[in-house]
Amino acid sequence: MVDSLGDSLDRALEGAFTRRIPQSAQAQVKYLVKQLKGTRAAAQVLGVSQRTVERYVKGQLKRPRQDLRARLESEVRKRWQPQVRARARKKAASTDGLVVSTRARFGFEAAAGTTDDARVRDITQALPPQWADRLFTAREQGADEQQLHQIAADGLAQMYFRANDSRAHGLGVEFTDVERLDIEL
């Protein structure tokens, strides 16, 4: 299964973390309880009872089931070091941009009556800050995977295929059958 573009954006921001997330289940649950301001809210997010959360906080439970462990780690990662995450996002969206590395099927539509059949390509391309900003903004506003893919495709079309609009004007790019997609800051 291919990771989603949104997950790849989150992983890229996690690369900026200055400290590791808490390792034990007890420390992770305590962090979530503190962030969500209560055991009831933490229980709702994790999909367990409030009493179960209280047991993890007290250290009475230590080893969560595999599915709970994955949800717990995911929820902690979402909230871990928000200021560091915001700084990394701002830097990517204002000065650095990001690098998209993908293996996907790309097809083209150019001037009237001409086409180029789609084929699988491996592409690694730096996108300037405005594309990073568009991706992060769309992600925050709840854009679905298809919308994020379209933004990435537009960025790759402009920077890779049209060489920052210095050639192949009007070339439309299709971005489908994504096998791999990674983003780095």
Foldseek 3Di string as FASTA:
>chain_A
DEDFPLVQLLVQLLVQDPDDFDDWQLSLLVVLCVVQVHLCSSCVQLVHDSVVSVCSVVVVDTDDDPSSVVSSVVVSSVVPPPVSSVVVLVCCQPPFPKKKWFWWWKWKDAPPPDTGDIDTDTDIDGFHNNLSVVLVVCVVVPHDRVVSVVSVQVRCCCCPVCVVVPDRPRMDMDTDDTPYIHMHD
